[in-house]
Amino acid sequence: MNKITVVYIINYAPNYRDVFLQELGKYVDLTVISFNGIHVNLKDPEKRMGYNYIELPQKRFLNISFNIDEFKEAGGCYDVIIIGYNLRNPFRLLNLVRRKRVILEGLMYGKNNNFLIKMARRFVINFAEGVLVYSNLVKEKLEKEVSKPIISFNNTSFQKADIEILPLEKNIEKLHILWVGRYQKRKKIERLIHLAEIDDRVKVRLVGPGLRENVESSKDNIQVFEGAYGEELKAHFNWSHVVFNPGGAGLLIMNAGRFGRPIFIDNNSHHGPEIQLAIEANQKFLNFAVEKEVKELVSRCIENPDILQKKGLILAEKLSDRYTVEFMAQQYLKAIEGRWE
């Protein structure tokens, strides 16, 4: 029996998405179309296997993508077209008028959610067969706006076999705080730098592309590393006691769960849909803008490291249950095969 042919058009397909694309490629004849991740400080895989890949050049004006190839390349012999929802990519969205099965996929919501954005979203979704969304939180919100079928795939980047609970020290003299990600203002890592500068009880380690160019501090208890992957990333989590997320949270929640580290998250920032896992796993939310709250949290972590271990284990268990690449690929497959819930 021939596999269903699928073309998947998204902004970027970096290395942390590659495992999922390979998993989905086991079940369908998959072609991925995207831009090079270097434009946004993302690292692409050195080699792509298990699926076909077409890289398009960036053609932008006033932050709008005008690459007509996002439409032309999808005109091949594909059974299903999956397109990443983005109003700033008009030629991509034009695929919705093709006489083929077309599925929308994406975050669906951003910071701006005014009346015009809502109307545009509803209009675009009306042309799709259905929608794949990043979490149940997004699904529940979108169901109030549209009548199209929606499937949540619980966005993640790890297979079940990747989950490894790392040991945690029983006695903590200085709290080792880790943060991993690419530099973006919305992630507010300056708050962690400030914490290290005013509190000698902590050591802060920042890991990710673009950090060295944007982080300045002469304090010995602040370390900055370039992007790390695989075993390199494991070494950083093994060093850590806890993950602090002082701004917008995303896949870092999954990274923390993978290694059994708890994550403490700012309660006054715009987060990605991955926040659902942190909520389900009862991770702690606090206002990182309030110095007193953060210092009190540091004290509790040092005085009672058992709390860190318990919260880290809960996060890992929830991740293993329904936040794996295997689960994610099966949710996509449901939509591709037309098995909408």
Protein backbone atom coordinates (compact mmCIF):
# COMPACT_ATOMS: atom_id res chain seq x y z
CA MET A 1 0.00 0.00 0.00
CA ASN A 2 1.40 3.38 -1.02
CA LYS A 3 1.95 5.99 1.68
CA ILE A 4 -0.09 9.19 1.69
CA THR A 5 1.98 11.98 0.16
CA VAL A 6 2.17 15.07 2.37
CA VAL A 7 3.79 18.47 1.89
CA TYR A 8 4.36 20.43 5.09
CA ILE A 9 5.09 24.17 4.74
CA ILE A 10 6.40 25.93 7.84
CA ASN A 11 8.64 28.88 8.73
CA TYR A 12 11.59 26.83 10.00
CA ALA A 13 12.55 23.19 10.51
CA PRO A 14 15.49 23.37 12.98
CA ASN A 15 17.38 20.50 14.57
CA TYR A 16 15.03 20.17 17.54
CA ARG A 17 12.13 19.56 15.11
CA ASP A 18 14.03 16.98 13.06
CA VAL A 19 13.22 14.01 15.33
CA PHE A 20 9.50 14.66 14.91
CA LEU A 21 9.81 15.01 11.13
CA GLN A 22 11.66 11.70 10.94
CA GLU A 23 8.97 10.06 13.07
CA LEU A 24 6.16 11.39 10.88
CA GLY A 25 8.13 10.30 7.80
CA LYS A 26 7.77 6.66 8.94
CA TYR A 27 4.05 6.81 8.20
CA VAL A 28 3.71 9.18 5.23
CA ASP A 29 5.72 10.24 2.20
CA LEU A 30 6.74 13.60 3.66
CA THR A 31 8.16 16.71 2.01
CA VAL A 32 9.04 19.68 4.22
CA ILE A 33 9.35 23.24 2.89
CA SER A 34 10.85 25.97 5.05
CA PHE A 35 13.39 28.79 5.36
CA ASN A 36 16.88 28.41 6.80
CA GLY A 37 16.87 28.70 10.61
CA ILE A 38 19.96 30.90 10.61
CA HIS A 39 17.69 33.91 10.02
CA VAL A 40 16.31 33.60 13.57
CA ASN A 41 19.28 32.09 15.45
CA LEU A 42 18.10 28.50 14.94
CA LYS A 43 20.41 25.65 13.99
CA ASP A 44 19.32 23.36 11.15
CA PRO A 45 20.23 19.63 11.09
CA GLU A 46 23.55 18.83 9.46
CA LYS A 47 21.83 16.06 7.53
CA ARG A 48 18.13 15.38 6.97
CA MET A 49 16.91 11.80 6.75
CA GLY A 50 13.51 10.13 6.53
CA TYR A 51 11.81 12.92 4.60
CA ASN A 52 12.34 15.20 1.60
CA TYR A 53 13.36 18.79 2.20
CA ILE A 54 13.09 21.98 0.15
CA GLU A 55 14.73 25.14 1.52
CA LEU A 56 13.39 28.47 0.30
CA PRO A 57 15.21 31.82 0.37
CA GLN A 58 13.80 34.57 2.57
CA LYS A 59 11.97 37.25 0.58
CA ARG A 60 10.51 39.73 3.05
CA PHE A 61 9.27 43.30 2.93
CA LEU A 62 7.83 45.10 5.98
CA ASN A 63 8.01 41.75 7.78
CA ILE A 64 5.73 40.12 5.18
CA SER A 65 6.96 37.07 3.26
CA PHE A 66 6.54 37.43 -0.49
CA ASN A 67 8.03 34.10 -1.57
CA ILE A 68 5.67 32.76 -4.23
CA ASP A 69 7.43 29.39 -4.04
CA GLU A 70 5.44 28.70 -0.87
CA PHE A 71 2.52 28.35 -3.27
CA LYS A 72 4.25 26.96 -6.37
CA GLU A 73 6.18 24.18 -4.61
CA ALA A 74 2.96 22.83 -3.04
CA GLY A 75 1.45 22.30 -6.50
CA GLY A 76 3.10 18.90 -6.89
CA CYS A 77 1.49 15.48 -6.62
CA TYR A 78 0.58 15.63 -2.95
CA ASP A 79 -2.49 14.11 -1.31
CA VAL A 80 -2.44 16.44 1.70
CA ILE A 81 -1.04 19.93 2.26
CA ILE A 82 -0.24 21.04 5.82
CA ILE A 83 0.56 24.72 6.18
CA GLY A 84 1.83 26.59 9.19
CA TYR A 85 -0.71 29.31 9.99
CA ASN A 86 0.88 32.73 9.58
CA LEU A 87 -0.95 35.79 8.26
CA ARG A 88 2.41 37.24 7.23
CA ASN A 89 2.85 34.50 4.57
CA PRO A 90 0.10 35.24 2.00
CA PHE A 91 1.42 32.93 -0.73
CA ARG A 92 1.50 30.04 1.73
CA LEU A 93 -2.10 30.67 2.75
CA LEU A 94 -3.09 30.79 -0.91
CA ASN A 95 -2.72 26.99 -0.89
CA LEU A 96 -6.05 26.87 0.95
CA VAL A 97 -7.90 27.40 -2.33
CA ARG A 98 -6.37 24.33 -4.00
CA ARG A 99 -8.66 21.41 -4.81
CA LYS A 100 -6.84 19.23 -2.35
CA ARG A 101 -7.07 18.39 1.32
CA VAL A 102 -5.46 21.30 3.18
CA ILE A 103 -4.83 21.35 6.95
CA LEU A 104 -3.77 24.36 8.99
CA GLU A 105 -1.22 23.98 11.76
CA GLY A 106 0.27 26.34 14.29
CA LEU A 107 0.18 28.49 17.38
CA MET A 108 -2.94 30.30 16.08
CA TYR A 109 -2.59 33.06 18.68
CA GLY A 110 0.01 35.73 19.34
CA LYS A 111 0.25 38.80 21.54
CA ASN A 112 -1.96 40.77 19.15
CA ASN A 113 -5.52 39.45 19.17
CA ASN A 114 -7.58 42.47 18.13
CA PHE A 115 -10.87 42.35 16.21
CA LEU A 116 -9.24 42.40 12.74
CA ILE A 117 -6.87 39.56 13.66
CA LYS A 118 -9.80 37.49 14.95
CA MET A 119 -11.80 38.08 11.78
CA ALA A 120 -8.81 37.21 9.57
CA ARG A 121 -8.16 34.01 11.54
CA ARG A 122 -11.78 32.87 11.21
CA PHE A 123 -11.79 33.69 7.49
CA VAL A 124 -8.61 31.69 6.83
CA ILE A 125 -9.64 28.68 8.94
CA ASN A 126 -12.95 28.52 7.03
CA PHE A 127 -11.02 27.29 3.95
CA ALA A 128 -9.20 24.47 5.80
CA GLU A 129 -10.36 20.92 6.39
CA GLY A 130 -9.28 21.19 10.01
CA VAL A 131 -6.63 22.55 12.36
CA LEU A 132 -3.68 21.04 14.22
CA VAL A 133 -2.77 23.06 17.34
CA TYR A 134 0.06 22.98 19.87
CA SER A 135 -1.93 22.22 23.04
CA ASN A 136 -5.36 21.61 24.51
CA LEU A 137 -5.31 25.17 25.87
CA VAL A 138 -5.19 26.46 22.30
CA LYS A 139 -7.80 23.92 21.17
CA GLU A 140 -10.28 24.96 23.86
CA LYS A 141 -9.81 28.62 22.99
CA LEU A 142 -10.15 28.10 19.24
CA GLU A 143 -13.25 25.90 19.57
CA LYS A 144 -15.11 28.98 20.84
CA GLU A 145 -14.35 30.81 17.58
CA VAL A 146 -14.68 28.25 14.78
CA SER A 147 -16.63 25.10 13.95
CA LYS A 148 -13.83 23.27 12.12
CA PRO A 149 -12.42 20.05 13.68
CA ILE A 150 -9.33 20.60 15.82
CA ILE A 151 -6.66 18.19 17.07
CA SER A 152 -4.05 19.05 19.72
CA PHE A 153 -0.65 17.44 19.20
CA ASN A 154 1.04 18.57 22.45
CA ASN A 155 4.12 20.20 20.95
CA THR A 156 7.42 18.66 22.07
CA SER A 157 10.82 17.66 20.72
CA PHE A 158 11.69 14.43 22.56
CA GLN A 159 11.02 10.74 22.12
CA LYS A 160 9.97 8.70 25.12
CA ALA A 161 13.38 6.99 25.13
CA ASP A 162 15.08 10.41 25.49
CA ILE A 163 13.70 10.95 28.99
CA GLU A 164 16.44 10.46 31.59
CA ILE A 165 16.04 11.46 35.23
CA LEU A 166 19.35 12.92 36.34
CA PRO A 167 20.45 12.66 39.99
CA LEU A 168 20.07 15.69 42.23
CA GLU A 169 22.29 16.68 45.15
CA LYS A 170 20.75 16.16 48.59
CA ASN A 171 22.65 19.07 50.12
CA ILE A 172 22.79 22.35 48.22
CA GLU A 173 25.16 25.12 49.28
CA LYS A 174 24.72 27.26 46.18
CA LEU A 175 21.69 26.91 43.94
CA HIS A 176 22.62 26.07 40.33
CA ILE A 177 20.07 27.79 38.07
CA LEU A 178 19.91 26.89 34.37
CA TRP A 179 18.26 28.63 31.44
CA VAL A 180 18.43 27.32 27.83
CA GLY A 181 17.25 29.05 24.65
CA ARG A 182 18.04 31.58 21.95
CA TYR A 183 18.29 35.21 22.93
CA GLN A 184 15.01 37.12 22.67
CA LYS A 185 13.93 40.17 24.67
CA ARG A 186 10.61 38.55 25.59
CA LYS A 187 12.47 35.85 27.52
CA LYS A 188 13.80 38.47 29.97
CA ILE A 189 17.01 36.65 30.92
CA GLU A 190 18.35 39.95 32.28
CA ARG A 191 16.33 39.10 35.38
CA LEU A 192 18.55 36.06 35.97
CA ILE A 193 21.68 38.13 35.45
CA HIS A 194 20.41 40.63 38.02
CA LEU A 195 19.62 37.80 40.45
CA ALA A 196 23.19 36.49 40.21
CA GLU A 197 24.57 39.99 40.75
CA ILE A 198 22.61 40.57 43.97
CA ASP A 199 22.58 37.04 45.43
CA ASP A 200 25.82 35.11 45.96
CA ARG A 201 23.83 32.01 46.95
CA VAL A 202 23.17 31.25 43.29
CA LYS A 203 25.13 30.28 40.21
CA VAL A 204 23.44 31.04 36.90
CA ARG A 205 24.21 29.27 33.64
CA LEU A 206 22.77 30.59 30.36
CA VAL A 207 22.98 28.34 27.29
CA GLY A 208 22.00 29.24 23.73
CA PRO A 209 22.81 30.94 20.43
CA GLY A 210 23.14 34.71 20.50
CA LEU A 211 23.66 34.95 24.27
CA ARG A 212 27.34 35.85 24.32
CA GLU A 213 26.66 38.81 22.04
CA ASN A 214 23.90 40.11 24.30
CA VAL A 215 24.87 39.22 27.86
CA GLU A 216 27.30 41.38 29.82
CA SER A 217 28.40 40.69 33.40
CA SER A 218 31.65 40.50 35.28
CA LYS A 219 30.27 38.31 38.06
CA ASP A 220 31.93 34.92 38.60
CA ASN A 221 28.60 33.24 39.33
CA ILE A 222 27.28 33.84 35.79
CA GLN A 223 28.31 31.51 32.96
CA VAL A 224 27.31 31.90 29.32
CA PHE A 225 27.55 29.09 26.74
CA GLU A 226 26.78 28.79 23.04
CA GLY A 227 23.91 26.54 21.91
CA ALA A 228 24.19 22.94 23.12
CA TYR A 229 22.55 19.79 21.81
CA GLY A 230 22.47 16.10 22.68
CA GLU A 231 25.04 15.05 25.28
CA GLU A 232 26.27 18.66 25.62
CA LEU A 233 22.80 19.69 26.79
CA LYS A 234 22.66 16.77 29.20
CA ALA A 235 25.87 17.99 30.86
CA HIS A 236 24.29 21.38 31.55
CA PHE A 237 21.18 19.85 33.11
CA ASN A 238 23.35 17.50 35.16
CA TRP A 239 25.11 20.59 36.57
CA SER A 240 21.79 22.26 37.41
CA HIS A 241 19.46 21.94 40.37
CA VAL A 242 16.57 23.86 38.85
CA VAL A 243 15.44 25.73 35.74
CA PHE A 244 14.29 29.35 36.09
CA ASN A 245 12.18 30.83 33.28
CA PRO A 246 11.90 34.60 33.99
CA GLY A 247 10.01 35.50 30.79
CA GLY A 248 8.09 33.81 28.00
CA ALA A 249 8.26 30.01 28.28
CA GLY A 250 8.21 27.43 25.49
CA LEU A 251 10.07 24.21 24.73
CA LEU A 252 12.38 24.78 27.71
CA ILE A 253 9.58 23.21 29.76
CA MET A 254 10.00 19.98 27.78
CA ASN A 255 13.79 20.17 28.14
CA ALA A 256 13.48 20.42 31.91
CA GLY A 257 11.05 17.50 32.05
CA ARG A 258 13.31 15.36 29.90
CA PHE A 259 15.99 15.41 32.60
CA GLY A 260 13.72 15.54 35.65
CA ARG A 261 14.47 19.13 36.59
CA PRO A 262 11.69 21.38 37.93
CA ILE A 263 10.98 24.66 36.18
CA PHE A 264 9.83 27.86 37.87
CA ILE A 265 8.05 30.25 35.51
CA ASP A 266 7.16 33.94 35.43
CA ASN A 267 3.44 34.43 35.97
CA ASN A 268 3.23 37.74 34.14
CA SER A 269 4.63 36.94 30.67
CA HIS A 270 3.17 35.75 27.38
CA HIS A 271 3.96 32.03 27.11
CA GLY A 272 3.92 29.51 24.30
CA PRO A 273 1.33 26.70 24.31
CA GLU A 274 3.89 24.38 25.91
CA ILE A 275 2.92 26.05 29.19
CA GLN A 276 0.15 23.45 29.36
CA LEU A 277 2.66 20.80 30.49
CA ALA A 278 3.93 23.02 33.33
CA ILE A 279 0.36 23.64 34.51
CA GLU A 280 -0.55 19.95 34.42
CA ALA A 281 2.67 19.06 36.27
CA ASN A 282 1.99 21.64 38.99
CA GLN A 283 5.21 23.58 38.46
CA LYS A 284 5.62 26.84 40.36
CA PHE A 285 4.66 30.23 38.90
CA LEU A 286 5.86 33.47 40.46
CA ASN A 287 6.49 37.10 39.56
CA PHE A 288 10.16 37.31 38.57
CA ALA A 289 9.87 41.11 38.55
CA VAL A 290 9.48 41.06 42.34
CA GLU A 291 12.95 40.61 43.84
CA LYS A 292 11.60 39.48 47.22
CA GLU A 293 9.61 36.60 45.69
CA VAL A 294 12.61 35.31 43.77
CA LYS A 295 14.94 35.51 46.80
CA GLU A 296 12.41 33.65 48.95
CA LEU A 297 12.21 30.95 46.27
CA VAL A 298 16.00 30.59 46.27
CA SER A 299 15.91 30.13 50.05
CA ARG A 300 13.26 27.40 49.83
CA CYS A 301 15.17 25.53 47.13
CA ILE A 302 18.40 25.51 49.15
CA GLU A 303 16.68 24.57 52.41
CA ASN A 304 14.52 21.80 50.94
CA PRO A 305 15.97 20.22 47.77
CA ASP A 306 13.47 17.34 48.11
CA ILE A 307 10.87 19.72 46.68
CA LEU A 308 12.99 20.13 43.56
CA GLN A 309 13.27 16.40 43.08
CA LYS A 310 9.53 15.82 43.52
CA LYS A 311 8.52 18.56 41.11
CA GLY A 312 11.09 17.40 38.57
CA LEU A 313 9.77 13.83 38.71
CA ILE A 314 6.18 14.99 38.21
CA LEU A 315 7.23 17.02 35.16
CA ALA A 316 9.08 14.01 33.67
CA GLU A 317 6.10 11.70 34.28
CA LYS A 318 3.67 14.07 32.56
CA LEU A 319 6.10 14.49 29.66
CA SER A 320 6.40 10.72 29.24
CA ASP A 321 2.64 10.25 29.24
CA ARG A 322 1.39 12.52 26.44
CA TYR A 323 4.18 14.91 25.44
CA THR A 324 6.45 12.76 23.28
CA VAL A 325 7.36 12.87 19.59
CA GLU A 326 5.61 9.52 19.13
CA PHE A 327 2.33 10.93 20.49
CA MET A 328 2.76 14.09 18.42
CA ALA A 329 3.26 12.17 15.16
CA GLN A 330 0.18 10.03 15.80
CA GLN A 331 -1.94 13.15 16.28
CA TYR A 332 -0.71 14.51 12.94
CA LEU A 333 -1.44 11.13 11.36
CA LYS A 334 -5.04 11.28 12.60
CA ALA A 335 -5.54 14.57 10.76
CA ILE A 336 -3.71 13.37 7.64
CA GLU A 337 -5.93 10.28 7.46
CA GLY A 338 -9.04 12.36 8.11
CA ARG A 339 -9.74 10.81 11.53
CA TRP A 340 -10.86 14.05 13.15
CA GLU A 341 -12.20 13.77 16.67
